[in-house]
Protein backbone atom coordinates (compact mmCIF):
# COMPACT_ATOMS: atom_id res chain seq x y z
CA MET A 1 -9.53 -187.95 -57.06
CA PRO A 2 -12.47 -189.09 -57.90
CA ALA A 3 -14.38 -191.32 -55.26
CA VAL A 4 -15.28 -194.91 -57.37
CA VAL A 5 -17.37 -198.10 -56.21
CA PRO A 6 -17.21 -201.00 -58.32
CA VAL A 7 -20.55 -202.48 -59.81
CA LYS A 8 -21.41 -205.72 -60.90
CA PHE A 9 -24.54 -206.74 -62.82
CA SER A 10 -25.34 -209.77 -63.92
CA TYR A 11 -23.84 -209.46 -68.06
CA ALA A 12 -20.42 -208.45 -67.14
CA ALA A 13 -17.82 -210.71 -65.66
CA ARG A 14 -16.24 -208.30 -63.30
CA GLY A 15 -17.11 -205.14 -61.01
CA LEU A 16 -17.28 -201.56 -63.67
CA TRP A 17 -16.00 -198.46 -61.99
CA PHE A 18 -18.49 -195.46 -60.65
CA ASP A 19 -18.48 -192.42 -59.36
CA TRP A 20 -19.64 -192.53 -55.53
CA SER A 21 -20.49 -189.12 -55.61
CA ASP A 22 -21.91 -189.13 -52.42
CA SER A 23 -24.32 -191.63 -53.01
CA GLY A 24 -24.23 -192.98 -49.96
CA ALA A 25 -23.48 -196.53 -51.69
CA GLN A 26 -21.62 -199.08 -49.90
CA GLU A 27 -20.47 -202.31 -50.30
CA GLY A 28 -23.61 -205.29 -50.67
CA ASP A 29 -26.35 -202.48 -51.64
CA HIS A 30 -28.20 -202.67 -54.84
CA VAL A 31 -27.60 -199.42 -56.48
CA ILE A 32 -28.99 -197.53 -59.89
CA CYS A 33 -26.21 -196.62 -62.31
CA GLN A 34 -26.26 -194.33 -65.42
CA THR A 35 -24.93 -196.89 -68.57
CA GLU A 36 -24.42 -196.20 -71.95
CA ARG A 37 -27.63 -199.10 -72.11
CA GLY A 38 -29.49 -196.67 -69.50
CA GLN A 39 -30.10 -197.12 -65.49
CA GLU A 40 -29.63 -200.20 -64.11
CA ILE A 41 -29.32 -202.47 -61.24
CA GLY A 42 -26.46 -203.48 -60.39
CA LEU A 43 -24.64 -204.62 -56.95
CA VAL A 44 -21.52 -202.78 -54.92
CA ILE A 45 -19.00 -205.59 -54.37
CA ASP A 46 -16.16 -203.75 -52.61
CA ASP A 47 -15.93 -200.69 -50.85
CA VAL A 48 -15.56 -196.79 -51.87
CA ARG A 49 -12.11 -195.80 -52.35
CA ASP A 50 -10.46 -192.72 -54.12
CA VAL A 51 -7.88 -193.15 -57.04
CA THR A 52 -5.79 -191.04 -59.36
CA ASP A 53 -6.13 -189.70 -62.20
CA ASP A 54 -3.60 -192.09 -63.82
CA GLU A 55 -5.24 -195.06 -62.07
CA LEU A 56 -8.67 -193.83 -63.55
CA THR A 57 -7.61 -193.74 -67.11
CA ASP A 58 -5.28 -196.92 -66.95
CA THR A 59 -8.92 -198.60 -65.59
CA ILE A 60 -11.49 -197.44 -68.53
CA GLY A 61 -9.20 -195.36 -70.50
CA ASP A 62 -11.18 -192.47 -72.32
CA ALA A 63 -14.84 -193.56 -71.03
CA GLU A 64 -16.96 -191.24 -69.35
CA LEU A 65 -16.90 -192.03 -65.51
CA LYS A 66 -20.84 -192.94 -65.20
CA PRO A 67 -22.56 -192.48 -61.63
CA VAL A 68 -23.96 -194.14 -59.39
CA LEU A 69 -27.30 -192.64 -59.54
CA ARG A 70 -29.10 -193.60 -56.01
CA VAL A 71 -29.44 -196.74 -53.72
CA ALA A 72 -32.15 -199.46 -54.93
CA SER A 73 -35.22 -199.22 -53.27
CA LEU A 74 -37.36 -201.72 -52.47
CA GLU A 75 -40.13 -201.03 -55.52
CA ASP A 76 -36.83 -201.04 -57.90
CA LEU A 77 -35.75 -204.67 -56.67
CA GLU A 78 -38.88 -206.05 -57.50
C-alpha cells in the first residue's frame, strides 16, 4: 500500500495526493513536488496515510502517483 499525503497548490481547489516516499513531510509543511507542470511548491494539508490500490485508482484513475521530492527550504519559499 502506498503512503500518500494531500498537497494543496494555489491553483487547485482541493488537495491532490502525492507519494510520500519517506520524504519526512508532515501536515503544515511546504513541500517540493514533481507535477505535470514540473517542480512546484505546495502545502501538506493532512497527515500521511496508507491507501489501498483500489482507493488510489478511485482517486487518481490511471494517472501516475507523483512524488513529494522533499520538504521546502527557506530559500525555496523566498
